Protein backbone atom coordinates (compact mmCIF):
# COMPACT_ATOMS: atom_id res chain seq x y z
CA MET A 1 271.22 95.73 153.61
CA GLN A 2 271.39 98.99 156.11
CA HIS A 3 271.13 101.06 152.78
CA TRP A 4 268.18 99.14 151.86
CA ILE A 5 266.43 99.70 154.94
CA GLY A 6 266.95 102.63 155.18
CA LEU A 7 265.66 103.74 151.72
CA TRP A 8 262.26 102.13 153.37
CA PHE A 9 261.66 103.71 156.27
CA GLN A 10 262.26 106.83 154.12
CA MET A 11 259.29 105.97 152.01
CA VAL A 12 256.87 105.39 154.54
CA ASN A 13 258.37 108.06 156.63
CA GLU A 14 258.41 110.83 153.06
CA TRP A 15 255.21 109.24 151.39
CA GLY A 16 252.86 108.66 153.71
CA TYR A 17 250.03 106.40 153.02
CA ALA A 18 251.04 105.43 149.75
CA GLY A 19 254.04 104.16 150.62
CA ILE A 20 252.91 101.68 152.74
CA ILE A 21 251.22 100.82 150.36
CA VAL A 22 253.57 100.22 147.62
CA LEU A 23 255.85 98.74 150.21
CA MET A 24 253.24 96.45 151.74
CA ALA A 25 252.29 95.34 147.50
CA LEU A 26 255.89 94.38 147.31
CA GLU A 27 256.19 92.70 150.42
CA SER A 28 253.37 90.53 149.82
CA SER A 29 254.56 89.96 146.72
CA ILE A 30 258.01 87.93 146.49
CA PHE A 31 260.56 91.26 146.80
CA PRO A 32 261.91 90.50 150.10
CA ILE A 33 261.18 93.49 151.75
CA PRO A 34 260.08 93.00 155.72
CA SER A 35 257.36 94.48 157.49
CA GLU A 36 258.44 95.33 160.53
CA ILE A 37 259.57 98.15 158.81
CA VAL A 38 256.77 99.45 157.22
CA ILE A 39 253.85 99.12 159.76
CA PRO A 40 255.54 99.99 162.85
CA PRO A 41 256.96 103.52 162.32
CA ALA A 42 253.95 104.61 161.04
CA ALA A 43 252.08 103.66 163.37
CA TYR A 44 254.22 105.21 165.63
CA TRP A 45 253.41 108.19 164.18
CA ALA A 46 250.03 107.92 164.11
CA SER A 47 250.38 108.05 167.40
CA GLN A 48 252.43 110.75 167.17
CA GLY A 49 249.26 112.50 165.46
CA ARG A 50 251.31 112.15 162.14
CA TYR A 51 248.79 109.32 160.50
CA SER A 52 246.03 107.34 161.98
CA PHE A 53 245.59 103.74 163.54
CA ALA A 54 242.83 103.11 161.18
CA GLY A 55 244.71 104.04 157.68
CA VAL A 56 248.64 102.84 158.98
CA VAL A 57 245.86 99.55 159.07
CA ILE A 58 243.73 99.64 156.24
CA ALA A 59 246.77 101.02 154.09
CA GLY A 60 248.56 98.00 154.56
CA THR A 61 245.88 95.36 154.42
CA VAL A 62 245.46 97.05 150.83
CA GLY A 63 249.04 96.97 149.79
CA SER A 64 249.40 93.54 151.22
CA TYR A 65 246.29 92.57 149.07
CA ALA A 66 247.54 94.16 146.15
CA GLY A 67 250.94 91.95 145.61
CA ALA A 68 249.64 88.67 146.77
CA ALA A 69 247.35 89.60 144.04
CA ALA A 70 248.73 90.21 141.96
CA THR A 71 251.09 86.93 142.65
CA TYR A 72 248.39 84.72 142.20
CA TRP A 73 247.96 85.25 138.89
CA ALA A 74 250.73 85.98 138.02
CA ALA A 75 251.50 82.11 138.95
CA ARG A 76 248.54 81.12 137.90
CA TRP A 77 249.61 82.49 133.96
CA LEU A 78 253.25 81.92 133.92
CA GLY A 79 252.65 77.93 135.51
CA ARG A 80 254.49 75.60 136.75
CA PRO A 81 257.70 74.93 134.41
CA LEU A 82 258.51 78.64 134.63
CA LEU A 83 258.36 79.71 138.32
CA VAL A 84 261.44 76.40 139.01
CA ARG A 85 263.08 77.53 136.12
CA TYR A 86 263.58 81.72 136.92
CA GLY A 87 262.70 81.54 140.25
CA PRO A 88 265.49 81.70 141.93
CA TYR A 89 265.82 84.66 139.43
CA LEU A 90 263.74 86.24 141.32
CA PHE A 91 264.01 85.89 145.38
CA CYS A 92 262.19 83.17 144.45
CA PRO A 93 264.36 79.06 144.53
CA GLU A 94 262.64 75.80 144.54
CA GLU A 95 262.94 74.52 147.59
CA LYS A 96 261.16 78.05 149.06
CA LEU A 97 258.31 77.47 146.14
CA LEU A 98 258.30 73.18 146.75
CA ARG A 99 258.04 75.02 151.06
CA ALA A 100 254.55 76.41 150.38
CA GLU A 101 253.38 74.12 147.66
CA ARG A 102 253.29 71.53 151.01
CA TRP A 103 251.64 74.59 153.36
CA LEU A 104 248.36 74.72 151.08
CA ALA A 105 248.02 70.83 150.31
CA ARG A 106 248.19 71.16 153.98
CA TYR A 107 246.50 73.09 155.35
CA GLU A 108 243.77 74.36 152.10
CA ALA A 109 242.04 77.47 152.35
CA GLY A 110 242.56 78.30 156.02
CA GLY A 111 246.45 78.06 155.41
CA VAL A 112 246.16 80.78 153.18
CA PHE A 113 244.68 82.53 156.16
CA PHE A 114 247.88 81.71 158.68
CA ALA A 115 250.53 82.00 155.65
CA ARG A 116 250.05 86.21 156.94
CA LEU A 117 251.49 85.65 159.41
CA VAL A 118 254.57 83.12 158.79
CA PRO A 119 257.83 84.61 157.64
CA VAL A 120 258.30 83.12 154.32
CA VAL A 121 255.24 81.65 153.72
CA ARG A 122 253.69 84.42 153.82
CA HIS A 123 255.58 85.88 150.44
CA LEU A 124 254.68 83.29 148.85
CA ILE A 125 251.48 81.48 149.35
CA GLY A 126 249.75 83.17 146.35
CA ILE A 127 252.01 81.52 144.09
CA PRO A 128 250.95 77.56 145.05
CA ALA A 129 247.37 79.04 145.17
CA GLY A 130 247.60 80.63 141.05
CA LEU A 131 249.13 77.09 140.25
CA VAL A 132 246.77 74.96 141.50
CA ARG A 133 243.78 77.84 140.37
CA MET A 134 242.11 77.78 143.67
CA PRO A 135 239.22 80.18 143.92
CA PHE A 136 240.27 83.75 143.27
CA GLY A 137 237.13 84.44 145.58
CA LEU A 138 238.02 82.78 148.71
CA TYR A 139 241.62 82.77 148.49
CA SER A 140 240.68 87.30 148.26
CA ALA A 141 238.86 86.54 151.28
CA MET A 142 241.65 84.94 153.42
CA THR A 143 244.38 87.28 152.34
CA ILE A 144 242.05 89.81 153.25
CA VAL A 145 241.60 88.70 156.98
CA GLY A 146 245.14 87.18 157.25
CA ALA A 147 247.17 89.71 156.47
CA GLY A 148 244.26 92.63 158.38
CA LEU A 149 245.04 90.71 161.63
CA TRP A 150 249.10 90.78 160.87
CA CYS A 151 249.36 94.56 160.32
CA LEU A 152 247.02 94.76 163.02
CA VAL A 153 249.83 92.98 165.45
CA LEU A 154 252.68 95.02 163.56
CA ALA A 155 250.60 98.41 164.26
CA TRP A 156 249.83 97.45 167.68
CA PHE A 157 253.86 96.18 168.31
CA GLY A 158 254.64 100.21 167.41
CA THR A 159 252.83 101.59 169.15
CA THR A 160 253.79 99.42 171.88
CA VAL A 161 257.58 99.07 171.52
CA LEU A 162 258.69 102.74 170.21
CA GLY A 163 256.46 104.14 172.33
CA ASP A 164 258.78 102.51 175.07
CA GLN A 165 261.98 103.20 173.15
CA PRO A 166 260.75 106.37 171.00
CA GLU A 167 265.16 107.09 169.31
CA LEU A 168 264.58 102.99 167.91
CA VAL A 169 262.92 105.30 165.04
CA GLU A 170 266.58 106.46 164.27
CA ASP A 171 267.63 103.26 163.51
CA PRO A 172 265.87 101.22 160.71
CA GLY A 173 268.01 98.69 161.82
CA ARG A 174 268.41 97.69 165.35
CA LEU A 175 264.33 98.16 165.14
CA VAL A 176 263.80 95.58 163.29
CA GLN A 177 265.63 93.01 165.44
CA VAL A 178 264.43 94.68 168.58
CA LEU A 179 260.68 93.72 166.54
CA GLN A 180 261.61 90.48 165.42
CA GLN A 181 262.85 89.95 169.28
CA GLN A 182 258.90 90.42 170.22
CA SER A 183 258.00 88.13 167.94
CA TYR A 184 257.74 85.37 169.17
CA LEU A 185 254.00 86.53 170.57
CA VAL A 186 252.86 86.57 166.26
CA GLY A 187 254.05 83.04 166.90
CA GLY A 188 252.81 81.75 169.58
CA PHE A 189 249.37 82.71 168.35
CA ALA A 190 249.66 81.53 164.78
CA LEU A 191 250.35 78.41 166.28
CA LEU A 192 247.35 79.21 168.86
CA LEU A 193 245.34 79.01 164.94
CA CYS A 194 246.24 76.64 163.73
CA VAL A 195 245.92 74.23 166.03
CA LEU A 196 241.71 75.35 167.01
CA TYR A 197 242.63 75.01 162.76
CA VAL A 198 243.48 71.51 162.72
CA PHE A 199 241.06 70.44 164.79
CA VAL A 200 237.69 72.06 163.38
CA MET A 201 239.09 70.12 160.50
CA ARG A 202 239.62 66.71 162.45
CA ALA A 203 235.92 67.29 163.81
CA THR A 204 233.66 67.84 161.38
CA GLY A 205 235.50 64.92 159.60
CA LYS A 206 237.90 66.95 156.90
CA PRO A 207 241.38 65.66 157.79
CA VAL A 208 244.53 67.38 156.72
CA ARG A 209 245.48 65.94 154.31
CA GLU A 210 249.40 66.04 153.59
CA ALA A 211 251.88 66.98 151.29
């Protein structure tokens, strides 16, 4: 895994915006690429004048949407039986698929937005959305907003954490560990948004469905 992390880090370093788009597209599909190794170092390099901060966020959002859209249409075309049968060979065992399905059933369209802030579910939410034929326009809107927010948060982490500890740029594995240790901030923010969403649904007479 350390070898792959180093390779992905190198892609961001050498490919620039194109590397960000490709890796974030893969991260938003079924491939286990940590977005923490893509956006934060690019944002740090942006603070050093190599990229622009906005360009990093936009490239990350574009890549995330491309991967999420591909996952949606693949699931919609293949159908559940094939995904259950061959999912374990594609880093998507049935238990992960069931978790994503429960998430979508419980939180509906808003769940697509929140999924972009939640590990594991973030990678897989396009599968149940495609299987239930969720309107693609609505899915796209929620994906873009959620992915954009996630990339913005990671970019802020990159400029803040790496600004204080620039030596982490030379150690991608340690960089991921440090960012994940501080991800409680993102988790708390996502939890607050989820609580507000559930409250609004109940207040407007649209109770959250149980899985």
